[in-house]
Amino acid sequence: LTGAEAKLYELIGSTPLAVDRLLTSNAQNATLNRLVSRGLVHVAGFTPSDAAHVLGKQANWDAATARLGAELFARKRDGRGQAIAATPEAISERVLTTLTRLSAEVILETAFAEDGLDGAATVAHALVQRAVDSHPGIARLSVALDRPVIGLGASAPLHYAGLPPLVGHDCVVPEDTDVANALGAVVGQVRVSAEARVSQPQEGLFRVASGESVRDFNDEAAAIAAAETDVRAIAAGRARDAGTDSAEIEIASEFRVSTVEGQRMFIEAHVV
C-alpha cells in the first residue's frame, strides 16, 4: 500500500463507518476506490433490493436492516438543503421507479444502436424522452420495440413489471427466471487461447517456442506442424481446466516473410 492508502486503511477499522466521516478531502475518494478494487474494503449502500424489502415486495433478508438503510438514504439533502424524501417508503418507491425507467432506457439504447443509430444520444433526445413518458400534447409521440423483452433473474418479476408502457411491448418473465442466469453460466461457452511462435535464428534453423518448451527443426513445414500440434494440445488442456470436456479448436497462422534477391525468406510465424 502507498502511504495514503495505508493511512486511510488504518482509519477504517472493523466497524462500519460513514464515508463522509472517513474522508476529509475529495482526493481521498480515489484512495478509497483503490482499496475497494484490491478487495481490502467494502462499501455498503442502499440498493433496489433493500427498497423492495422496505415496501414488502421482497423477503430474502432482514427487512429491518433495509428500512434503516432507507431512513438514512432519505435524510440526504438536495441542492436546497431539503431531505430528498419524507419517509423510507417514499425513497424506496422512487428507487424502484428509477430502476425500471433506467432499465427501459438501456433497452431502448441497445435497440437504437442495433438499428445503426447513436443509442445513448437518441434515447437522451427530448422527443424520445417525451415518448417514453407518454407526455400529453397536441403532437403525441410514441416509441415501441418490435418484439417483447425477456426478463431474467430472481428480481425480474419485480423490476420489469413496469416495463411494457415504457418500451411499448410486453415483458415476458419465464417461470424459472430465478435460476435462468445460473443455468446460462453453466451451459455457456468456454473460450481459451494458446499460442506458439516459430522463428529462424539462423538460416535453415527453425525454432518453435510454445508453452515452456523450445525445439529446433531443420524444415519450416515441420516446425509449423509442430507449433500447431503444441497449440492444439495446450488449448485442449486449458479448456479442460476451464470445465469443458469437449472443445472445438481452431488454428490460425500468421507469417512474416520477406523477399531477398527473388527468394522467399522466412522471418517468423505466429500460431494461435
Protein backbone atom coordinates (compact mmCIF):
# COMPACT_ATOMS: atom_id res chain seq x y z
CA LEU A 1 0.00 0.00 0.00
CA THR A 2 1.09 3.57 -0.60
CA GLY A 3 1.39 5.90 2.34
CA ALA A 4 -2.00 7.47 1.65
CA GLU A 5 -3.66 4.07 1.24
CA ALA A 6 -2.14 2.68 4.43
CA LYS A 7 -3.18 5.76 6.41
CA LEU A 8 -6.77 5.58 5.18
CA TYR A 9 -6.92 1.83 5.72
CA GLU A 10 -5.89 2.24 9.35
CA LEU A 11 -8.74 4.70 9.91
CA ILE A 12 -11.39 2.33 8.62
CA GLY A 13 -11.09 -0.43 11.20
CA SER A 14 -13.56 -3.30 11.62
CA THR A 15 -16.64 -1.21 12.47
CA PRO A 16 -18.81 0.26 9.68
CA LEU A 17 -18.07 3.94 9.21
CA ALA A 18 -19.91 6.64 7.27
CA VAL A 19 -17.94 7.72 4.20
CA ASP A 20 -18.46 11.41 4.91
CA ARG A 21 -16.90 10.91 8.34
CA LEU A 22 -14.00 8.92 6.94
CA LEU A 23 -12.92 11.14 4.05
CA THR A 24 -11.61 14.63 4.67
CA SER A 25 -10.93 15.61 1.03
CA ASN A 26 -12.14 14.76 -2.45
CA ALA A 27 -8.72 13.33 -3.28
CA GLN A 28 -9.32 10.55 -0.77
CA ASN A 29 -12.17 9.22 -2.92
CA ALA A 30 -9.60 7.86 -5.37
CA THR A 31 -7.63 6.35 -2.49
CA LEU A 32 -10.74 4.65 -1.16
CA ASN A 33 -11.60 3.32 -4.62
CA ARG A 34 -8.15 1.75 -4.90
CA LEU A 35 -8.64 -0.03 -1.57
CA VAL A 36 -12.03 -1.27 -2.78
CA SER A 37 -10.59 -2.51 -6.09
CA ARG A 38 -7.99 -4.53 -4.18
CA GLY A 39 -10.67 -6.18 -2.09
CA LEU A 40 -9.46 -4.65 1.17
CA VAL A 41 -12.55 -2.54 1.78
CA HIS A 42 -16.25 -2.97 1.07
CA VAL A 43 -18.56 -0.02 0.53
CA ALA A 44 -22.16 -0.65 1.56
CA GLY A 45 -25.09 1.33 0.25
CA PHE A 46 -28.84 1.32 -0.23
CA THR A 47 -29.88 -0.95 -3.12
CA PRO A 48 -33.07 -1.61 -5.11
CA SER A 49 -33.36 -4.92 -3.25
CA ASP A 50 -33.36 -3.00 0.03
CA ALA A 51 -36.11 -0.78 -1.37
CA ALA A 52 -38.15 -3.84 -2.28
CA HIS A 53 -37.79 -5.17 1.27
CA VAL A 54 -38.95 -1.86 2.73
CA LEU A 55 -42.09 -1.99 0.57
CA GLY A 56 -42.77 -5.64 1.37
CA LYS A 57 -42.17 -6.76 -2.21
CA GLN A 58 -39.20 -8.94 -1.34
CA ALA A 59 -38.36 -11.02 1.72
CA ASN A 60 -34.98 -12.63 1.16
CA TRP A 61 -33.19 -10.99 4.08
CA ASP A 62 -33.58 -8.65 7.04
CA ALA A 63 -36.26 -6.06 6.23
CA ALA A 64 -35.48 -4.10 9.39
CA THR A 65 -31.91 -3.50 8.24
CA ALA A 66 -33.16 -2.48 4.81
CA ARG A 67 -35.51 0.02 6.43
CA LEU A 68 -32.65 1.54 8.42
CA GLY A 69 -30.77 2.00 5.16
CA ALA A 70 -33.82 3.67 3.61
CA GLU A 71 -34.15 6.03 6.56
CA LEU A 72 -30.52 7.09 6.23
CA PHE A 73 -30.80 7.48 2.47
CA ALA A 74 -33.96 9.58 2.78
CA ARG A 75 -32.09 12.04 5.01
CA LYS A 76 -29.70 13.03 2.23
CA ARG A 77 -30.05 16.68 1.26
CA ASP A 78 -30.83 18.11 -2.14
CA GLY A 79 -29.49 21.35 -3.59
CA ARG A 80 -31.92 23.38 -1.48
CA GLY A 81 -30.88 21.67 1.74
CA GLN A 82 -34.11 19.66 1.96
CA ALA A 83 -34.32 15.93 2.68
CA ILE A 84 -34.69 14.05 -0.61
CA ALA A 85 -37.63 12.02 0.74
CA ALA A 86 -40.06 12.30 3.62
CA THR A 87 -40.26 8.61 4.51
CA PRO A 88 -38.40 5.34 3.92
CA GLU A 89 -41.33 4.17 1.79
CA ALA A 90 -41.19 7.28 -0.39
CA ILE A 91 -37.50 6.93 -1.19
CA SER A 92 -37.94 3.20 -1.80
CA GLU A 93 -40.71 3.84 -4.33
CA ARG A 94 -38.51 6.37 -6.10
CA VAL A 95 -35.61 3.92 -6.25
CA LEU A 96 -37.71 1.16 -7.81
CA THR A 97 -39.37 3.55 -10.25
CA THR A 98 -35.99 4.93 -11.28
CA LEU A 99 -34.57 1.44 -11.75
CA THR A 100 -37.41 0.47 -14.08
CA ARG A 101 -37.06 3.72 -16.01
CA LEU A 102 -33.29 3.31 -16.41
CA SER A 103 -33.80 -0.31 -17.49
CA ALA A 104 -36.20 0.86 -20.20
CA GLU A 105 -33.72 3.49 -21.39
CA VAL A 106 -30.89 0.94 -21.60
CA ILE A 107 -33.10 -1.45 -23.58
CA LEU A 108 -34.11 1.31 -26.00
CA GLU A 109 -30.50 2.48 -26.26
CA THR A 110 -29.49 -1.04 -27.30
CA ALA A 111 -32.34 -1.23 -29.81
CA PHE A 112 -31.40 2.10 -31.40
CA ALA A 113 -27.76 1.02 -31.59
CA GLU A 114 -28.81 -2.21 -33.35
CA ASP A 115 -30.65 -0.02 -35.85
CA GLY A 116 -27.44 1.86 -36.61
CA LEU A 117 -28.09 4.96 -34.51
CA ASP A 118 -26.19 6.51 -31.63
CA GLY A 119 -28.15 4.72 -28.91
CA ALA A 120 -27.27 6.95 -25.97
CA ALA A 121 -27.78 10.20 -27.85
CA THR A 122 -31.06 9.02 -29.36
CA VAL A 123 -32.54 7.98 -26.03
CA ALA A 124 -31.45 11.28 -24.47
CA HIS A 125 -33.24 13.27 -27.18
CA ALA A 126 -36.19 15.28 -25.92
CA LEU A 127 -38.60 13.65 -28.37
CA VAL A 128 -37.73 10.13 -27.22
CA GLN A 129 -37.96 11.19 -23.58
CA ARG A 130 -41.44 12.63 -24.22
CA ALA A 131 -42.45 9.42 -25.96
CA VAL A 132 -41.23 7.21 -23.10
CA ASP A 133 -43.03 9.44 -20.60
CA SER A 134 -46.23 9.31 -22.70
CA HIS A 135 -46.24 13.08 -22.35
CA PRO A 136 -49.59 14.58 -23.39
CA GLY A 137 -49.65 17.27 -26.03
CA ILE A 138 -51.04 18.37 -29.36
CA ALA A 139 -48.32 16.32 -31.03
CA ARG A 140 -48.27 12.92 -29.35
CA LEU A 141 -45.20 10.76 -29.74
CA SER A 142 -44.64 7.09 -29.07
CA VAL A 143 -41.73 4.67 -29.26
CA ALA A 144 -42.05 0.90 -29.20
CA LEU A 145 -39.93 -2.20 -29.64
CA ASP A 146 -40.87 -4.66 -32.37
CA ARG A 147 -40.50 -7.64 -30.02
CA PRO A 148 -41.09 -8.49 -26.36
CA VAL A 149 -38.48 -8.17 -23.62
CA ILE A 150 -37.43 -11.34 -21.80
CA GLY A 151 -36.75 -10.73 -18.12
CA LEU A 152 -34.21 -12.99 -16.41
CA GLY A 153 -33.02 -13.14 -12.82
CA ALA A 154 -34.69 -13.54 -9.45
CA SER A 155 -35.74 -9.88 -9.34
CA ALA A 156 -37.13 -9.73 -12.89
CA PRO A 157 -40.81 -10.15 -11.88
CA LEU A 158 -40.45 -7.15 -9.57
CA HIS A 159 -38.31 -4.74 -11.55
CA TYR A 160 -39.65 -5.44 -15.04
CA ALA A 161 -43.36 -5.41 -14.26
CA GLY A 162 -43.48 -1.73 -15.18
CA LEU A 163 -41.50 -2.01 -18.43
CA PRO A 164 -44.30 -2.56 -21.01
CA PRO A 165 -45.69 1.00 -21.04
CA LEU A 166 -42.15 2.40 -21.28
CA VAL A 167 -40.86 0.23 -24.15
CA GLY A 168 -44.16 -0.26 -25.95
CA HIS A 169 -44.15 -4.04 -25.82
CA ASP A 170 -44.74 -6.93 -23.44
CA CYS A 171 -42.18 -8.13 -20.92
CA VAL A 172 -42.12 -11.91 -20.64
CA VAL A 173 -40.79 -13.33 -17.38
CA PRO A 174 -40.21 -17.12 -17.65
CA GLU A 175 -41.43 -19.38 -14.87
CA ASP A 176 -37.91 -20.38 -13.83
CA THR A 177 -36.38 -16.95 -14.33
CA ASP A 178 -34.79 -17.00 -10.86
CA VAL A 179 -32.31 -19.68 -11.97
CA ALA A 180 -32.06 -18.78 -15.66
CA ASN A 181 -28.86 -16.78 -15.29
CA ALA A 182 -27.23 -19.51 -13.21
CA LEU A 183 -28.08 -22.15 -15.81
CA GLY A 184 -26.81 -19.89 -18.57
CA ALA A 185 -23.49 -19.56 -16.80
CA VAL A 186 -23.20 -23.34 -16.50
CA VAL A 187 -24.06 -24.18 -20.11
CA GLY A 188 -22.31 -21.17 -21.63
CA GLN A 189 -19.33 -21.49 -23.90
CA VAL A 190 -15.78 -21.52 -22.59
CA ARG A 191 -13.22 -19.67 -24.70
CA VAL A 192 -9.50 -20.15 -24.19
CA SER A 193 -6.47 -19.46 -26.34
CA ALA A 194 -2.90 -20.66 -26.80
CA GLU A 195 -0.06 -19.53 -29.00
CA ALA A 196 3.32 -20.59 -30.35
CA ARG A 197 6.00 -18.75 -32.29
CA VAL A 198 8.34 -20.08 -34.95
CA SER A 199 11.49 -18.08 -35.64
CA GLN A 200 14.60 -18.56 -37.77
CA PRO A 201 17.58 -17.50 -35.66
CA GLN A 202 19.90 -18.62 -38.44
CA GLU A 203 19.31 -19.75 -41.99
CA GLY A 204 17.92 -23.25 -42.15
CA LEU A 205 17.18 -23.48 -38.42
CA PHE A 206 13.54 -23.09 -37.34
CA ARG A 207 12.90 -22.64 -33.62
CA VAL A 208 9.48 -23.40 -32.10
CA ALA A 209 8.61 -21.74 -28.78
CA SER A 210 5.34 -22.94 -27.26
CA GLY A 211 4.34 -23.02 -23.62
CA GLU A 212 7.55 -23.72 -21.72
CA SER A 213 9.25 -25.73 -24.47
CA VAL A 214 11.70 -24.65 -27.17
CA ARG A 215 12.59 -27.00 -30.02
CA ASP A 216 14.62 -26.67 -33.21
CA PHE A 217 13.79 -28.07 -36.66
CA ASN A 218 15.61 -28.11 -39.96
CA ASP A 219 12.44 -27.73 -42.01
CA GLU A 220 9.91 -24.89 -41.97
CA ALA A 221 6.90 -27.11 -42.62
CA ALA A 222 7.87 -29.48 -39.82
CA ALA A 223 8.31 -26.57 -37.42
CA ILE A 224 4.90 -25.11 -38.31
CA ALA A 225 3.24 -28.51 -37.92
CA ALA A 226 4.86 -28.97 -34.50
CA ALA A 227 3.73 -25.50 -33.43
CA GLU A 228 0.15 -26.27 -34.46
CA THR A 229 0.24 -29.57 -32.58
CA ASP A 230 1.52 -27.84 -29.46
CA VAL A 231 -1.09 -25.09 -29.66
CA ARG A 232 -3.86 -27.65 -30.10
CA ALA A 233 -2.69 -29.64 -27.05
CA ILE A 234 -2.27 -26.55 -24.86
CA ALA A 235 -5.70 -25.20 -25.83
CA ALA A 236 -7.36 -28.55 -25.13
CA GLY A 237 -5.73 -28.70 -21.71
CA ARG A 238 -6.80 -25.18 -20.83
CA ALA A 239 -10.34 -25.95 -21.98
CA ARG A 240 -10.45 -28.97 -19.67
CA ASP A 241 -9.17 -26.87 -16.81
CA ALA A 242 -11.94 -24.37 -17.55
CA GLY A 243 -14.56 -27.09 -17.13
CA THR A 244 -15.35 -28.42 -20.60
CA ASP A 245 -14.76 -32.00 -21.72
CA SER A 246 -15.20 -31.31 -25.44
CA ALA A 247 -13.51 -28.48 -27.28
CA GLU A 248 -13.74 -27.11 -30.80
CA ILE A 249 -10.25 -25.91 -31.65
CA GLU A 250 -9.43 -23.54 -34.49
CA ILE A 251 -5.85 -22.90 -35.60
CA ALA A 252 -4.71 -19.74 -37.36
CA SER A 253 -1.18 -18.90 -38.51
CA GLU A 254 0.33 -15.53 -39.40
CA PHE A 255 3.59 -15.47 -41.33
CA ARG A 256 6.22 -12.76 -41.64
CA VAL A 257 8.36 -13.25 -44.72
CA SER A 258 10.48 -11.11 -46.99
CA THR A 259 11.88 -11.45 -50.49
CA VAL A 260 15.65 -11.23 -50.91
CA GLU A 261 17.06 -11.37 -54.45
CA GLY A 262 13.86 -13.00 -55.63
CA GLN A 263 13.93 -15.67 -52.92
CA ARG A 264 11.36 -16.07 -50.13
CA MET A 265 12.95 -15.54 -46.72
CA PHE A 266 11.08 -16.82 -43.64
CA ILE A 267 11.27 -14.45 -40.66
CA GLU A 268 8.67 -15.53 -38.14
CA ALA A 269 5.31 -17.27 -37.76
CA HIS A 270 2.70 -16.76 -35.06
CA VAL A 271 0.38 -19.73 -34.48
CA VAL A 272 -2.76 -19.32 -32.32
